[in-house]
Amino acid sequence: MKIMVSACLAGENCKYNGGNNRNEKVLQLMADHEVITVCPEQMGGLPTPRVPAEIVDGVVTAKDGRIVDGEFRAGAARCLEIARREKPDLIVLQSRSPSCGVKQRYDGTFTGTLVDGAGVTAQLLMQNGFRCLDVEELVGIHEGIVIEKLRLEEKELLKFFLYREAENPGWQVRWRET
């Protein structure tokens, strides 16, 4: 399986503050699969360390007020080029980042408040048909099957089926296509 990952998750010191978000699950993936690391911010020309940035009214803006939207979008475009060339089966990205956040990102007030929505790189990759997963949702990969944390509604559905099986062993669900 070929996997693209945020470079900071692989332990590369490319975060805005010069550090990383080293993640043991990602390191395990790197040992077992072909991995491509990317840092959209660096690929867009931003230095490390750098002033933190958030998306403010649709524009990526540094905390000091500078507009860095062009750099973020250039890095996203470079990541898309790599994804198109390498054709990864899965892309695992850093949570809440204005580039890589898949499900949530900071709201643009620099107060740590989260909003639903993707960062610019994650959004571009998903719009182009790539499967992106927030690193916090990754449980692991077993024999090529990606294991994700279940969402609340999925847990409830699974609970229903498990209880149903316990009450009526051997019952089957019949699928009807519409």
C-alpha atoms as a PDB file:
ATOM      1  CA  MET A   1       0.000   0.000   0.000  1.00  0.00           C
ATOM      2  CA  LYS A   2       1.290   3.464  -0.886  1.00  0.00           C
ATOM      3  CA  ILE A   3       0.567   6.174   1.695  1.00  0.00           C
ATOM      4  CA  MET A   4       1.190   9.934   1.631  1.00  0.00           C
ATOM      5  CA  VAL A   5       1.618  11.509   5.081  1.00  0.00           C
ATOM      6  CA  SER A   6       2.148  14.936   6.592  1.00  0.00           C
ATOM      7  CA  ALA A   7       5.920  15.129   7.119  1.00  0.00           C
ATOM      8  CA  CYS A   8       5.537  16.383  10.704  1.00  0.00           C
ATOM      9  CA  LEU A   9       3.802  13.084  11.567  1.00  0.00           C
ATOM     10  CA  ALA A  10       6.888  11.223  10.400  1.00  0.00           C
ATOM     11  CA  GLY A  11       8.985  13.220  12.869  1.00  0.00           C
ATOM     12  CA  GLU A  12      10.297  15.845  10.451  1.00  0.00           C
ATOM     13  CA  ASN A  13      10.780  19.209  12.163  1.00  0.00           C
ATOM     14  CA  CYS A  14       8.598  21.248   9.820  1.00  0.00           C
ATOM     15  CA  LYS A  15       5.849  22.567  12.137  1.00  0.00           C
ATOM     16  CA  TYR A  16       5.382  26.316  12.401  1.00  0.00           C
ATOM     17  CA  ASN A  17       7.309  26.293  15.712  1.00  0.00           C
ATOM     18  CA  GLY A  18      10.199  24.199  14.359  1.00  0.00           C
ATOM     19  CA  GLY A  19       9.015  20.998  16.026  1.00  0.00           C
ATOM     20  CA  ASN A  20       7.099  17.974  14.783  1.00  0.00           C
ATOM     21  CA  ASN A  21       4.006  15.881  15.494  1.00  0.00           C
ATOM     22  CA  ARG A  22       5.796  12.517  15.487  1.00  0.00           C
ATOM     23  CA  ASN A  23       3.144   9.806  15.572  1.00  0.00           C
ATOM     24  CA  GLU A  24       3.881   6.174  16.448  1.00  0.00           C
ATOM     25  CA  LYS A  25       1.057   4.829  14.256  1.00  0.00           C
ATOM     26  CA  VAL A  26       2.479   6.704  11.278  1.00  0.00           C
ATOM     27  CA  LEU A  27       5.991   5.440  12.029  1.00  0.00           C
ATOM     28  CA  GLN A  28       4.594   1.903  12.093  1.00  0.00           C
ATOM     29  CA  LEU A  29       2.952   2.538   8.702  1.00  0.00           C
ATOM     30  CA  MET A  30       6.291   3.755   7.386  1.00  0.00           C
ATOM     31  CA  ALA A  31       7.908   0.462   8.381  1.00  0.00           C
ATOM     32  CA  ASP A  32       5.237  -1.636   6.659  1.00  0.00           C
ATOM     33  CA  HIS A  33       4.243   0.431   3.592  1.00  0.00           C
ATOM     34  CA  GLU A  34       5.634   2.712   0.913  1.00  0.00           C
ATOM     35  CA  VAL A  35       5.342   6.249   2.303  1.00  0.00           C
ATOM     36  CA  ILE A  36       5.637   9.685   0.713  1.00  0.00           C
ATOM     37  CA  THR A  37       6.087  12.580   3.152  1.00  0.00           C
ATOM     38  CA  VAL A  38       4.921  16.109   2.337  1.00  0.00           C
ATOM     39  CA  CYS A  39       4.868  19.444   4.136  1.00  0.00           C
ATOM     40  CA  PRO A  40       2.629  21.809   2.153  1.00  0.00           C
ATOM     41  CA  GLU A  41       3.809  24.896   4.032  1.00  0.00           C
ATOM     42  CA  GLN A  42       7.480  24.259   3.266  1.00  0.00           C
ATOM     43  CA  MET A  43       6.628  23.173  -0.282  1.00  0.00           C
ATOM     44  CA  GLY A  44       4.864  26.518  -0.720  1.00  0.00           C
ATOM     45  CA  GLY A  45       8.020  28.390   0.255  1.00  0.00           C
ATOM     46  CA  LEU A  46       7.390  29.152   3.937  1.00  0.00           C
ATOM     47  CA  PRO A  47      10.314  28.864   6.368  1.00  0.00           C
ATOM     48  CA  THR A  48      10.505  26.741   9.508  1.00  0.00           C
ATOM     49  CA  PRO A  49       9.977  28.057  12.080  1.00  0.00           C
ATOM     50  CA  ARG A  50       7.279  30.493  10.956  1.00  0.00           C
ATOM     51  CA  VAL A  51       4.492  32.585  12.446  1.00  0.00           C
ATOM     52  CA  PRO A  52       1.397  30.412  13.025  1.00  0.00           C
ATOM     53  CA  ALA A  53      -1.409  30.847  10.501  1.00  0.00           C
ATOM     54  CA  GLU A  54      -5.143  30.173  10.371  1.00  0.00           C
ATOM     55  CA  ILE A  55      -7.854  30.564   7.766  1.00  0.00           C
ATOM     56  CA  VAL A  56      -9.582  33.925   8.256  1.00  0.00           C
ATOM     57  CA  ASP A  57     -12.631  34.509   6.045  1.00  0.00           C
ATOM     58  CA  GLY A  58     -11.318  31.977   3.529  1.00  0.00           C
ATOM     59  CA  VAL A  59      -7.809  33.465   3.389  1.00  0.00           C
ATOM     60  CA  VAL A  60      -4.793  31.921   5.151  1.00  0.00           C
ATOM     61  CA  THR A  61      -3.405  34.652   7.374  1.00  0.00           C
ATOM     62  CA  ALA A  62      -0.453  34.618   9.770  1.00  0.00           C
ATOM     63  CA  LYS A  63      -1.015  35.664  13.359  1.00  0.00           C
ATOM     64  CA  ASP A  64       0.953  38.865  12.687  1.00  0.00           C
ATOM     65  CA  GLY A  65      -1.567  39.827   9.968  1.00  0.00           C
ATOM     66  CA  ARG A  66       0.488  38.874   6.894  1.00  0.00           C
ATOM     67  CA  ILE A  67      -1.452  37.108   4.141  1.00  0.00           C
ATOM     68  CA  VAL A  68       0.225  33.740   3.441  1.00  0.00           C
ATOM     69  CA  ASP A  69      -2.619  32.312   1.383  1.00  0.00           C
ATOM     70  CA  GLY A  70      -0.519  32.146  -1.801  1.00  0.00           C
ATOM     71  CA  GLU A  71       2.190  30.081  -0.123  1.00  0.00           C
ATOM     72  CA  PHE A  72      -0.342  27.704   1.441  1.00  0.00           C
ATOM     73  CA  ARG A  73      -2.173  27.219  -1.869  1.00  0.00           C
ATOM     74  CA  ALA A  74       1.098  26.776  -3.796  1.00  0.00           C
ATOM     75  CA  GLY A  75       2.099  24.045  -1.333  1.00  0.00           C
ATOM     76  CA  ALA A  76      -1.322  22.421  -1.700  1.00  0.00           C
ATOM     77  CA  ALA A  77      -0.923  22.436  -5.494  1.00  0.00           C
ATOM     78  CA  ARG A  78       2.512  20.789  -5.194  1.00  0.00           C
ATOM     79  CA  CYS A  79       1.013  18.105  -2.932  1.00  0.00           C
ATOM     80  CA  LEU A  80      -1.713  17.506  -5.517  1.00  0.00           C
ATOM     81  CA  GLU A  81       0.942  17.143  -8.249  1.00  0.00           C
ATOM     82  CA  ILE A  82       2.759  14.551  -6.144  1.00  0.00           C
ATOM     83  CA  ALA A  83      -0.471  12.700  -5.354  1.00  0.00           C
ATOM     84  CA  ARG A  84      -1.421  12.588  -9.039  1.00  0.00           C
ATOM     85  CA  ARG A  85       2.026  11.275  -9.964  1.00  0.00           C
ATOM     86  CA  GLU A  86       2.429   8.790  -7.087  1.00  0.00           C
ATOM     87  CA  LYS A  87      -1.236   7.698  -6.793  1.00  0.00           C
ATOM     88  CA  PRO A  88      -1.283   6.949  -3.046  1.00  0.00           C
ATOM     89  CA  ASP A  89      -3.947   4.559  -1.761  1.00  0.00           C
ATOM     90  CA  LEU A  90      -4.394   6.704   1.343  1.00  0.00           C
ATOM     91  CA  ILE A  91      -3.319  10.133   2.565  1.00  0.00           C
ATOM     92  CA  VAL A  92      -2.892  10.631   6.347  1.00  0.00           C
ATOM     93  CA  LEU A  93      -2.795  14.271   7.405  1.00  0.00           C
ATOM     94  CA  GLN A  94      -2.184  16.252  10.595  1.00  0.00           C
ATOM     95  CA  SER A  95      -5.299  17.251  12.504  1.00  0.00           C
ATOM     96  CA  ARG A  96      -6.567  20.844  12.707  1.00  0.00           C
ATOM     97  CA  SER A  97      -3.878  22.347  10.463  1.00  0.00           C
ATOM     98  CA  PRO A  98      -4.798  25.196   8.086  1.00  0.00           C
ATOM     99  CA  SER A  99      -3.138  23.034   5.409  1.00  0.00           C
ATOM    100  CA  CYS A 100      -3.701  19.453   6.436  1.00  0.00           C
ATOM    101  CA  GLY A 101      -6.755  19.417   8.711  1.00  0.00           C
ATOM    102  CA  VAL A 102      -9.216  16.920   7.204  1.00  0.00           C
ATOM    103  CA  LYS A 103     -12.309  17.409   9.358  1.00  0.00           C
ATOM    104  CA  GLN A 104     -11.580  20.454  11.481  1.00  0.00           C
ATOM    105  CA  ARG A 105      -9.282  23.446  11.584  1.00  0.00           C
ATOM    106  CA  TYR A 106      -8.794  26.459  13.805  1.00  0.00           C
ATOM    107  CA  ASP A 107     -11.379  29.199  13.259  1.00  0.00           C
ATOM    108  CA  GLY A 108      -9.104  32.136  12.404  1.00  0.00           C
ATOM    109  CA  THR A 109      -9.261  33.885  15.785  1.00  0.00           C
ATOM    110  CA  PHE A 110      -6.002  32.367  17.085  1.00  0.00           C
ATOM    111  CA  THR A 111      -7.808  31.364  20.288  1.00  0.00           C
ATOM    112  CA  GLY A 112      -7.644  27.576  19.790  1.00  0.00           C
ATOM    113  CA  THR A 113     -11.310  27.427  18.743  1.00  0.00           C
ATOM    114  CA  LEU A 114     -12.100  24.695  16.220  1.00  0.00           C
ATOM    115  CA  VAL A 115     -14.586  24.748  13.343  1.00  0.00           C
ATOM    116  CA  ASP A 116     -15.674  22.011  10.967  1.00  0.00           C
ATOM    117  CA  GLY A 117     -13.925  22.206   7.629  1.00  0.00           C
ATOM    118  CA  ALA A 118     -10.746  21.129   5.910  1.00  0.00           C
ATOM    119  CA  GLY A 119      -7.444  22.911   5.481  1.00  0.00           C
ATOM    120  CA  VAL A 120      -6.441  24.056   1.999  1.00  0.00           C
ATOM    121  CA  THR A 121      -4.323  20.994   1.119  1.00  0.00           C
ATOM    122  CA  ALA A 122      -6.774  18.439   2.476  1.00  0.00           C
ATOM    123  CA  GLN A 123      -9.637  20.175   0.689  1.00  0.00           C
ATOM    124  CA  LEU A 124      -7.794  20.254  -2.647  1.00  0.00           C
ATOM    125  CA  LEU A 125      -6.793  16.598  -2.393  1.00  0.00           C
ATOM    126  CA  MET A 126     -10.316  15.474  -1.470  1.00  0.00           C
ATOM    127  CA  GLN A 127     -11.862  17.598  -4.247  1.00  0.00           C
ATOM    128  CA  ASN A 128      -9.618  15.695  -6.634  1.00  0.00           C
ATOM    129  CA  GLY A 129     -10.769  12.291  -5.422  1.00  0.00           C
ATOM    130  CA  PHE A 130      -8.005  11.360  -2.998  1.00  0.00           C
ATOM    131  CA  ARG A 131      -8.871   9.532   0.205  1.00  0.00           C
ATOM    132  CA  CYS A 132      -7.668  11.638   3.139  1.00  0.00           C
ATOM    133  CA  LEU A 133      -7.739  10.547   6.752  1.00  0.00           C
ATOM    134  CA  ASP A 134      -7.172  12.664   9.849  1.00  0.00           C
ATOM    135  CA  VAL A 135      -4.307  11.078  11.815  1.00  0.00           C
ATOM    136  CA  GLU A 136      -6.463  11.042  14.956  1.00  0.00           C
ATOM    137  CA  GLU A 137      -8.954   8.753  13.163  1.00  0.00           C
ATOM    138  CA  LEU A 138      -6.291   6.222  12.181  1.00  0.00           C
ATOM    139  CA  VAL A 139      -6.294   3.064  14.245  1.00  0.00           C
ATOM    140  CA  GLY A 140      -4.050   1.062  11.918  1.00  0.00           C
ATOM    141  CA  ILE A 141      -3.828  -0.921   8.725  1.00  0.00           C
ATOM    142  CA  HIS A 142      -4.172  -4.683   8.781  1.00  0.00           C
ATOM    143  CA  GLU A 143      -3.585  -6.715   5.625  1.00  0.00           C
ATOM    144  CA  GLY A 144      -4.301  -3.684   3.460  1.00  0.00           C
ATOM    145  CA  ILE A 145      -7.512  -2.734   5.290  1.00  0.00           C
ATOM    146  CA  VAL A 146      -7.538   0.746   6.843  1.00  0.00           C
ATOM    147  CA  ILE A 147      -8.971   0.667  10.354  1.00  0.00           C
ATOM    148  CA  GLU A 148     -10.543   3.955  11.466  1.00  0.00           C
ATOM    149  CA  LYS A 149     -12.158   5.067  14.683  1.00  0.00           C
ATOM    150  CA  LEU A 150     -15.919   4.739  14.467  1.00  0.00           C
ATOM    151  CA  ARG A 151     -18.088   7.840  14.529  1.00  0.00           C
ATOM    152  CA  LEU A 152     -20.952   7.955  17.025  1.00  0.00           C
ATOM    153  CA  GLU A 153     -23.615   6.995  14.454  1.00  0.00           C
ATOM    154  CA  GLU A 154     -21.447   4.094  13.266  1.00  0.00           C
ATOM    155  CA  LYS A 155     -21.028   2.869  16.841  1.00  0.00           C
ATOM    156  CA  GLU A 156     -24.792   2.946  17.356  1.00  0.00           C
ATOM    157  CA  LEU A 157     -25.405   1.021  14.136  1.00  0.00           C
ATOM    158  CA  LEU A 158     -22.782  -1.582  15.037  1.00  0.00           C
ATOM    159  CA  LYS A 159     -24.288  -1.911  18.518  1.00  0.00           C
ATOM    160  CA  PHE A 160     -27.718  -2.495  16.946  1.00  0.00           C
ATOM    161  CA  PHE A 161     -26.371  -5.287  14.736  1.00  0.00           C
ATOM    162  CA  LEU A 162     -24.409  -6.922  17.564  1.00  0.00           C
ATOM    163  CA  TYR A 163     -27.393  -6.888  19.925  1.00  0.00           C
ATOM    164  CA  ARG A 164     -29.655  -8.127  17.145  1.00  0.00           C
ATOM    165  CA  GLU A 165     -27.316 -11.071  16.498  1.00  0.00           C
ATOM    166  CA  ALA A 166     -27.174 -11.880  20.232  1.00  0.00           C
ATOM    167  CA  GLU A 167     -30.977 -11.908  20.452  1.00  0.00           C
ATOM    168  CA  ASN A 168     -31.565 -13.799  17.176  1.00  0.00           C
ATOM    169  CA  PRO A 169     -28.538 -15.910  16.233  1.00  0.00           C
ATOM    170  CA  GLY A 170     -28.246 -16.494  12.516  1.00  0.00           C
ATOM    171  CA  TRP A 171     -30.485 -13.618  11.401  1.00  0.00           C
ATOM    172  CA  GLN A 172     -29.367 -11.975   8.174  1.00  0.00           C
ATOM    173  CA  VAL A 173     -29.707  -8.538   6.711  1.00  0.00           C
ATOM    174  CA  ARG A 174     -30.939  -8.556   3.150  1.00  0.00           C
ATOM    175  CA  TRP A 175     -29.660  -5.714   1.015  1.00  0.00           C
ATOM    176  CA  ARG A 176     -31.947  -4.212  -1.534  1.00  0.00           C
ATOM    177  CA  GLU A 177     -30.476  -1.946  -4.136  1.00  0.00           C
ATOM    178  CA  THR A 178     -32.557   1.019  -5.232  1.00  0.00           C
END
